[in-house]
Amino acid sequence: MKRRPQHPSNTSNSHGTSRKRSTTPEKHPSKRPEHTPSQQKRNHKTRQLRLLATTLIALIALVVVAALLITWNNSHEQNQSATTPSTDTAQSQEPAPSPTPKNTPTPDLSWRDTDFAVDPAKTTWSFEPNGEKTVYLTFDDGPSQNTEKVLKVLDDYDVKATFFVVGLSPEHYSWIGEAYRRGHTIGLHTYSHDYAGVYASTDAYYADLDKIGAVVKEQIGYVPAFIRFPGGSSNTISRNYTSGIMSELSHSVQERGYQYYDWTGSCGDGADHPADVLISEATKFGDQENIILLMHDSQAKDTTVEALPKVIEYYKNLGYTFKALDRNAMVPHHGIGN
């Protein structure tokens, strides 16, 4: 049996020299080098920042999801209540304010329809005070956006008044009907309020008066008998257009069933004045038993609205009552100036 040769501990190279096996440990490339303390601190801080950012993102996501759920839930509840409202809810909710004055319920005003309508057969009027301390507030040149404000003040003080209207603002015509439904009297002041046109002739005057009469009839159902001449019956500007026209009109309007009303006092708002001046002017007539007070509710008369509460309070404190014009009210006539 042959013996297996033993390998020498030292091997020879090709030149016959012996080569010792290296005792130096081999390097492992996969092993990471040791970090310095500063590097370790930076790495720890980086990990903390990453963790904080991840936490914040998660929280934001939760908030967004919660908000979406709440919005969906509210929308779902609203849709359910809109389709199947409960009786208790419907009874507890107050009705929304009317966007237009036309929606106000109409009380029974038929007695005014017949009594206040123009009628040549009705010729009985009172030209004397009624024996009571009474203020008749009269507003010319509306309706406008100020008419609504005036009506609010009158409602607040439970006061009735009279509105001599013109046709210059069709977008506000509905306030004529609203004033009427609230118990106020509606009168005619001509459609155009243009002196040159209105007083060009008697025919021109009646054509203009018929035009505003048609507007008012559309709103309240009849043409009222109460009228006021532009500038009053004593105006002299009409002489520039037709001599003697006021003398003629003052008679003919009554023959046609109308009655014209001038005034016994004015707040002075025909010109632009601050509210305190209007109050001072309007409160000068406490010695009169019946006061027919001239005021305006046209677009520019904001200070009239501002002064109105003080005027009402002043006369109420003196014991006056406030009424709208009717066929029993005192009819004031000025001296004819043309």
Protein backbone atom coordinates (compact mmCIF):
# COMPACT_ATOMS: atom_id res chain seq x y z
CA MET A 1 0.00 0.00 0.00
CA LYS A 2 1.33 3.31 -1.03
CA ARG A 3 1.47 6.10 1.50
CA ARG A 4 -0.12 9.50 0.70
CA PRO A 5 2.65 12.08 0.63
CA GLN A 6 2.49 14.70 3.34
CA HIS A 7 2.21 18.40 2.38
CA PRO A 8 4.95 20.44 3.81
CA SER A 9 3.96 23.36 5.96
CA ASN A 10 5.94 25.59 3.65
CA THR A 11 5.41 25.59 -0.05
CA SER A 12 7.83 26.49 -2.75
CA ASN A 13 7.28 28.86 -5.54
CA SER A 14 8.37 28.26 -9.07
CA HIS A 15 11.89 29.27 -8.22
CA GLY A 16 12.12 26.70 -5.49
CA THR A 17 11.99 29.19 -2.68
CA SER A 18 9.67 28.50 0.16
CA ARG A 19 6.57 30.75 0.80
CA LYS A 20 5.11 31.08 4.24
CA ARG A 21 1.29 31.32 4.70
CA SER A 22 0.38 34.86 5.67
CA THR A 23 -0.68 35.33 9.27
CA THR A 24 -2.12 38.88 8.70
CA PRO A 25 -5.93 38.85 9.14
CA GLU A 26 -7.94 39.48 5.99
CA LYS A 27 -9.95 42.70 5.68
CA HIS A 28 -13.76 42.45 5.48
CA PRO A 29 -15.09 45.09 3.07
CA SER A 30 -18.66 44.77 4.43
CA LYS A 31 -17.77 45.97 7.88
CA ARG A 32 -18.58 49.74 8.39
CA PRO A 33 -15.95 51.98 9.89
CA GLU A 34 -16.59 53.23 13.40
CA HIS A 35 -18.34 56.71 13.64
CA THR A 36 -16.96 59.51 15.65
CA PRO A 37 -19.08 60.88 18.55
CA SER A 38 -20.02 64.01 16.55
CA GLN A 39 -21.19 61.91 13.63
CA GLN A 40 -23.26 59.74 15.93
CA LYS A 41 -24.94 62.85 17.43
CA ARG A 42 -25.80 64.20 13.98
CA ASN A 43 -27.25 60.87 12.91
CA HIS A 44 -29.39 60.71 16.08
CA LYS A 45 -30.72 64.23 15.48
CA THR A 46 -31.56 63.38 11.87
CA ARG A 47 -33.54 60.34 12.98
CA GLN A 48 -35.45 62.47 15.49
CA LEU A 49 -36.33 65.07 12.83
CA ARG A 50 -37.54 62.38 10.45
CA LEU A 51 -39.72 60.90 13.19
CA LEU A 52 -41.16 64.34 14.04
CA ALA A 53 -41.94 65.09 10.38
CA THR A 54 -43.66 61.73 9.99
CA THR A 55 -45.74 62.39 13.10
CA LEU A 56 -46.81 65.86 11.88
CA ILE A 57 -47.83 64.52 8.47
CA ALA A 58 -49.91 61.85 10.16
CA LEU A 59 -51.62 64.43 12.39
CA ILE A 60 -52.41 66.71 9.43
CA ALA A 61 -53.88 63.79 7.54
CA LEU A 62 -56.09 62.95 10.53
CA VAL A 63 -57.32 66.55 10.77
CA VAL A 64 -58.17 66.66 7.06
CA VAL A 65 -60.04 63.37 7.26
CA ALA A 66 -61.97 64.56 10.32
CA ALA A 67 -62.94 67.81 8.60
CA LEU A 68 -64.16 65.96 5.53
CA LEU A 69 -66.24 63.65 7.69
CA ILE A 70 -67.83 66.58 9.57
CA THR A 71 -68.62 68.40 6.31
CA TRP A 72 -70.20 65.31 4.83
CA ASN A 73 -72.23 64.69 7.97
CA ASN A 74 -73.58 68.29 8.05
CA SER A 75 -74.48 68.15 4.38
CA HIS A 76 -76.24 64.85 4.88
CA GLU A 77 -78.28 66.21 7.82
CA GLN A 78 -79.28 69.32 5.85
CA ASN A 79 -80.44 67.23 2.93
CA GLN A 80 -82.50 65.07 5.26
CA SER A 81 -84.12 68.08 6.99
CA ALA A 82 -84.90 69.68 3.62
CA THR A 83 -86.68 66.60 2.36
CA THR A 84 -88.42 65.57 5.62
CA PRO A 85 -88.70 68.56 7.95
CA SER A 86 -90.07 67.83 11.38
CA THR A 87 -93.24 69.50 12.59
CA ASP A 88 -91.55 70.91 15.70
CA THR A 89 -88.81 72.52 13.64
CA ALA A 90 -91.25 74.04 11.18
CA GLN A 91 -93.29 75.54 14.02
CA SER A 92 -90.31 76.95 15.93
CA GLN A 93 -88.67 78.67 12.97
CA GLU A 94 -89.73 82.24 12.24
CA PRO A 95 -90.59 83.04 8.60
CA ALA A 96 -87.86 84.69 6.58
CA PRO A 97 -88.33 88.42 5.93
CA SER A 98 -90.10 89.17 2.66
CA PRO A 99 -87.68 90.21 -0.11
CA THR A 100 -90.30 92.51 -1.62
CA PRO A 101 -93.06 94.54 -0.02
CA LYS A 102 -95.69 92.93 -2.27
CA ASN A 103 -95.77 89.83 -0.07
CA THR A 104 -97.34 91.67 2.88
CA PRO A 105 -100.79 90.24 3.70
CA THR A 106 -103.56 92.56 2.60
CA PRO A 107 -106.14 93.45 5.28
CA ASP A 108 -109.72 94.34 4.42
CA LEU A 109 -109.44 97.88 3.08
CA SER A 110 -112.56 97.84 0.93
CA TRP A 111 -114.08 100.73 2.87
CA ARG A 112 -111.22 102.95 1.75
CA ASP A 113 -111.56 101.76 -1.84
CA THR A 114 -115.04 103.21 -2.04
CA ASP A 115 -114.61 106.21 0.27
CA PHE A 116 -111.23 107.45 -0.96
CA ALA A 117 -111.72 106.92 -4.70
CA VAL A 118 -112.19 109.93 -6.95
CA ASP A 119 -115.92 110.53 -7.35
CA PRO A 120 -117.49 113.72 -8.77
CA ALA A 121 -120.66 112.92 -6.82
CA LYS A 122 -118.89 113.30 -3.50
CA THR A 123 -118.55 117.00 -2.83
CA THR A 124 -118.56 117.16 0.98
CA TRP A 125 -115.23 118.23 2.45
CA SER A 126 -114.21 119.83 5.74
CA PHE A 127 -112.30 123.09 5.68
CA GLU A 128 -112.29 123.59 9.46
CA PRO A 129 -110.22 121.95 12.24
CA ASN A 130 -111.71 118.75 13.60
CA GLY A 131 -111.65 119.83 17.25
CA GLU A 132 -108.76 117.53 18.16
CA LYS A 133 -105.01 118.11 18.33
CA THR A 134 -104.04 116.23 15.19
CA VAL A 135 -100.93 116.06 13.04
CA TYR A 136 -101.26 114.92 9.43
CA LEU A 137 -97.80 114.01 8.17
CA THR A 138 -97.66 114.28 4.36
CA PHE A 139 -94.76 113.06 2.24
CA ASP A 140 -94.23 114.30 -1.33
CA ASP A 141 -92.18 113.05 -4.28
CA GLY A 142 -91.88 109.35 -3.42
CA PRO A 143 -91.70 106.47 -3.70
CA SER A 144 -87.96 105.95 -3.39
CA GLN A 145 -85.59 103.89 -1.28
CA ASN A 146 -86.34 106.37 1.52
CA THR A 147 -90.03 105.41 1.50
CA GLU A 148 -89.16 102.09 3.10
CA LYS A 149 -87.20 103.89 5.81
CA VAL A 150 -90.03 106.33 6.46
CA LEU A 151 -92.50 103.45 6.77
CA LYS A 152 -90.21 101.77 9.29
CA VAL A 153 -90.20 104.89 11.49
CA LEU A 154 -93.97 105.28 11.20
CA ASP A 155 -94.44 101.63 12.20
CA ASP A 156 -92.12 102.06 15.18
CA TYR A 157 -94.26 104.92 16.50
CA ASP A 158 -97.61 103.49 15.37
CA VAL A 159 -98.24 106.58 13.24
CA LYS A 160 -100.27 106.87 10.02
CA ALA A 161 -99.41 109.36 7.28
CA THR A 162 -100.20 110.35 3.69
CA PHE A 163 -97.99 109.92 0.61
CA PHE A 164 -98.46 112.17 -2.43
CA VAL A 165 -96.63 110.10 -5.02
CA VAL A 166 -94.95 110.70 -8.37
CA GLY A 167 -93.98 108.27 -11.14
CA LEU A 168 -90.25 108.94 -11.40
CA SER A 169 -89.02 105.63 -9.93
CA PRO A 170 -90.86 102.58 -11.34
CA GLU A 171 -88.52 100.27 -9.44
CA HIS A 172 -90.07 101.57 -6.19
CA TYR A 173 -93.76 101.48 -7.21
CA SER A 174 -94.40 98.47 -4.97
CA TRP A 175 -93.89 100.70 -1.93
CA ILE A 176 -97.05 102.57 -2.88
CA GLY A 177 -99.06 99.41 -2.35
CA GLU A 178 -97.09 98.55 0.77
CA ALA A 179 -97.79 101.96 2.34
CA TYR A 180 -101.48 101.53 1.53
CA ARG A 181 -101.61 98.04 3.09
CA ARG A 182 -100.05 99.42 6.26
CA GLY A 183 -102.93 101.84 6.66
CA HIS A 184 -101.50 105.00 5.11
CA THR A 185 -103.33 107.20 2.61
CA ILE A 186 -102.10 107.51 -0.98
CA GLY A 187 -102.52 110.76 -2.91
CA LEU A 188 -101.46 112.00 -6.37
CA HIS A 189 -98.73 114.57 -6.95
CA THR A 190 -98.47 114.24 -10.78
CA TYR A 191 -96.40 111.71 -12.70
CA SER A 192 -93.49 113.82 -13.90
CA HIS A 193 -93.35 116.68 -11.38
CA ASP A 194 -92.03 118.74 -14.29
CA TYR A 195 -93.36 122.29 -13.93
CA ALA A 196 -92.89 123.13 -17.60
CA GLY A 197 -94.77 120.05 -18.72
CA VAL A 198 -97.43 119.91 -16.02
CA TYR A 199 -98.37 123.59 -16.24
CA ALA A 200 -98.08 123.92 -20.03
CA SER A 201 -101.90 123.74 -20.19
CA THR A 202 -104.85 122.30 -18.32
CA ASP A 203 -104.91 119.41 -20.76
CA ALA A 204 -101.24 118.75 -20.09
CA TYR A 205 -101.90 118.77 -16.34
CA TYR A 206 -104.73 116.25 -16.53
CA ALA A 207 -102.82 114.01 -18.91
CA ASP A 208 -100.01 113.87 -16.35
CA LEU A 209 -102.45 113.40 -13.45
CA ASP A 210 -104.19 110.53 -15.27
CA LYS A 211 -100.83 108.87 -15.80
CA ILE A 212 -99.93 108.80 -12.10
CA GLY A 213 -103.52 107.80 -11.34
CA ALA A 214 -103.06 104.69 -13.48
CA VAL A 215 -99.84 103.82 -11.63
CA VAL A 216 -101.52 104.13 -8.25
CA LYS A 217 -104.59 102.18 -9.35
CA GLU A 218 -102.35 99.29 -10.35
CA GLN A 219 -100.92 99.26 -6.82
CA ILE A 220 -104.00 99.88 -4.63
CA GLY A 221 -106.94 99.14 -6.91
CA TYR A 222 -108.44 102.61 -7.40
CA VAL A 223 -107.57 106.23 -8.24
CA PRO A 224 -107.58 108.30 -5.04
CA ALA A 225 -109.34 111.67 -4.74
CA PHE A 226 -106.50 113.32 -2.77
CA ILE A 227 -104.07 115.40 -4.83
CA ARG A 228 -101.36 117.99 -4.28
CA PHE A 229 -100.21 120.44 -6.93
CA PRO A 230 -96.45 120.60 -7.58
CA GLY A 231 -95.39 123.73 -5.72
CA GLY A 232 -98.80 123.97 -4.05
CA SER A 233 -101.82 125.91 -5.27
CA SER A 234 -100.09 129.19 -4.38
CA ASN A 235 -97.09 128.62 -6.65
CA THR A 236 -96.17 131.38 -9.06
CA ILE A 237 -93.71 129.44 -11.19
CA SER A 238 -96.67 128.17 -13.21
CA ARG A 239 -97.10 131.72 -14.50
CA ASN A 240 -93.94 131.17 -16.56
CA TYR A 241 -95.81 128.58 -18.62
CA THR A 242 -99.53 129.43 -18.51
CA SER A 243 -101.03 132.54 -17.01
CA GLY A 244 -103.95 131.87 -14.65
CA ILE A 245 -103.64 128.11 -14.78
CA MET A 246 -103.76 127.63 -10.99
CA SER A 247 -107.01 129.58 -10.74
CA GLU A 248 -108.50 127.30 -13.37
CA LEU A 249 -107.12 124.05 -11.98
CA SER A 250 -108.12 124.76 -8.39
CA HIS A 251 -111.76 124.77 -9.48
CA SER A 252 -111.74 122.10 -12.16
CA VAL A 253 -110.06 119.42 -10.06
CA GLN A 254 -112.86 119.64 -7.53
CA GLU A 255 -115.47 119.46 -10.27
CA ARG A 256 -113.87 116.20 -11.39
CA GLY A 257 -114.13 114.70 -7.90
CA TYR A 258 -110.61 115.44 -6.65
CA GLN A 259 -109.60 117.57 -3.67
CA TYR A 260 -106.27 119.36 -3.48
CA TYR A 261 -104.33 119.70 -0.23
CA ASP A 262 -101.79 122.38 0.55
CA TRP A 263 -100.13 122.46 3.99
CA THR A 264 -100.15 124.46 7.22
CA GLY A 265 -96.54 123.79 8.14
CA SER A 266 -93.31 122.54 6.58
CA CYS A 267 -90.12 120.96 7.89
CA GLY A 268 -88.16 122.90 5.27
CA ASP A 269 -86.72 119.86 3.52
CA GLY A 270 -87.49 121.31 0.11
CA ALA A 271 -83.89 122.53 0.39
CA ASP A 272 -80.91 120.57 1.68
CA HIS A 273 -80.65 120.98 5.44
CA PRO A 274 -79.21 118.84 8.24
CA ALA A 275 -81.63 116.95 10.46
CA ASP A 276 -81.41 119.38 13.39
CA VAL A 277 -82.58 122.24 11.15
CA LEU A 278 -85.51 120.16 9.88
CA ILE A 279 -86.49 119.27 13.44
CA SER A 280 -86.37 122.93 14.46
CA GLU A 281 -88.55 123.96 11.51
CA ALA A 282 -91.04 121.12 11.86
CA THR A 283 -91.69 121.75 15.55
CA LYS A 284 -92.82 125.37 15.21
CA PHE A 285 -96.54 124.64 14.84
CA GLY A 286 -97.64 123.55 18.30
CA ASP A 287 -100.15 126.42 18.40
CA GLN A 288 -102.23 124.85 15.61
CA GLU A 289 -105.05 122.48 16.39
CA ASN A 290 -104.69 120.61 13.08
CA ILE A 291 -101.24 120.52 11.48
CA ILE A 292 -100.84 119.37 7.87
CA LEU A 293 -97.06 119.03 7.80
CA LEU A 294 -95.18 119.00 4.49
CA MET A 295 -92.24 116.61 4.23
CA HIS A 296 -90.55 114.62 1.45
CA ASP A 297 -89.53 110.99 0.98
CA SER A 298 -87.66 111.34 -2.31
CA GLN A 299 -84.26 109.83 -2.96
CA ALA A 300 -82.19 112.75 -1.66
CA LYS A 301 -84.08 113.27 1.61
CA ASP A 302 -82.01 111.16 3.99
CA THR A 303 -82.04 113.89 6.65
CA THR A 304 -85.85 113.86 6.62
CA VAL A 305 -85.76 110.21 7.64
CA GLU A 306 -83.23 111.10 10.33
CA ALA A 307 -85.37 113.96 11.68
CA LEU A 308 -88.71 112.15 11.59
CA PRO A 309 -88.52 110.34 14.97
CA LYS A 310 -87.80 113.58 16.85
CA VAL A 311 -90.67 115.36 15.10
CA ILE A 312 -93.10 112.60 16.05
CA GLU A 313 -91.87 112.51 19.64
CA TYR A 314 -92.19 116.28 19.97
CA TYR A 315 -95.85 116.41 18.96
CA LYS A 316 -96.77 113.27 20.87
CA ASN A 317 -95.38 114.88 24.00
CA LEU A 318 -97.66 117.85 23.34
CA GLY A 319 -100.68 115.54 23.24
CA TYR A 320 -101.18 115.36 19.48
CA THR A 321 -102.44 112.27 17.68
CA PHE A 322 -101.29 111.36 14.17
CA LYS A 323 -103.69 110.50 11.36
CA ALA A 324 -103.66 109.92 7.62
CA LEU A 325 -105.79 112.19 5.47
CA ASP A 326 -109.37 111.13 4.80
CA ARG A 327 -112.55 112.89 3.71
CA ASN A 328 -113.11 114.14 7.28
CA ALA A 329 -109.69 115.78 7.63
CA MET A 330 -109.32 119.54 7.41
CA VAL A 331 -108.58 120.65 3.85
CA PRO A 332 -105.96 123.46 3.77
CA HIS A 333 -106.03 125.79 0.74
CA HIS A 334 -103.47 128.50 0.11
CA GLY A 335 -104.24 131.73 -1.66
CA ILE A 336 -103.98 131.26 -5.41
CA GLY A 337 -100.89 132.98 -6.80
CA ASN A 338 -101.54 132.53 -10.53
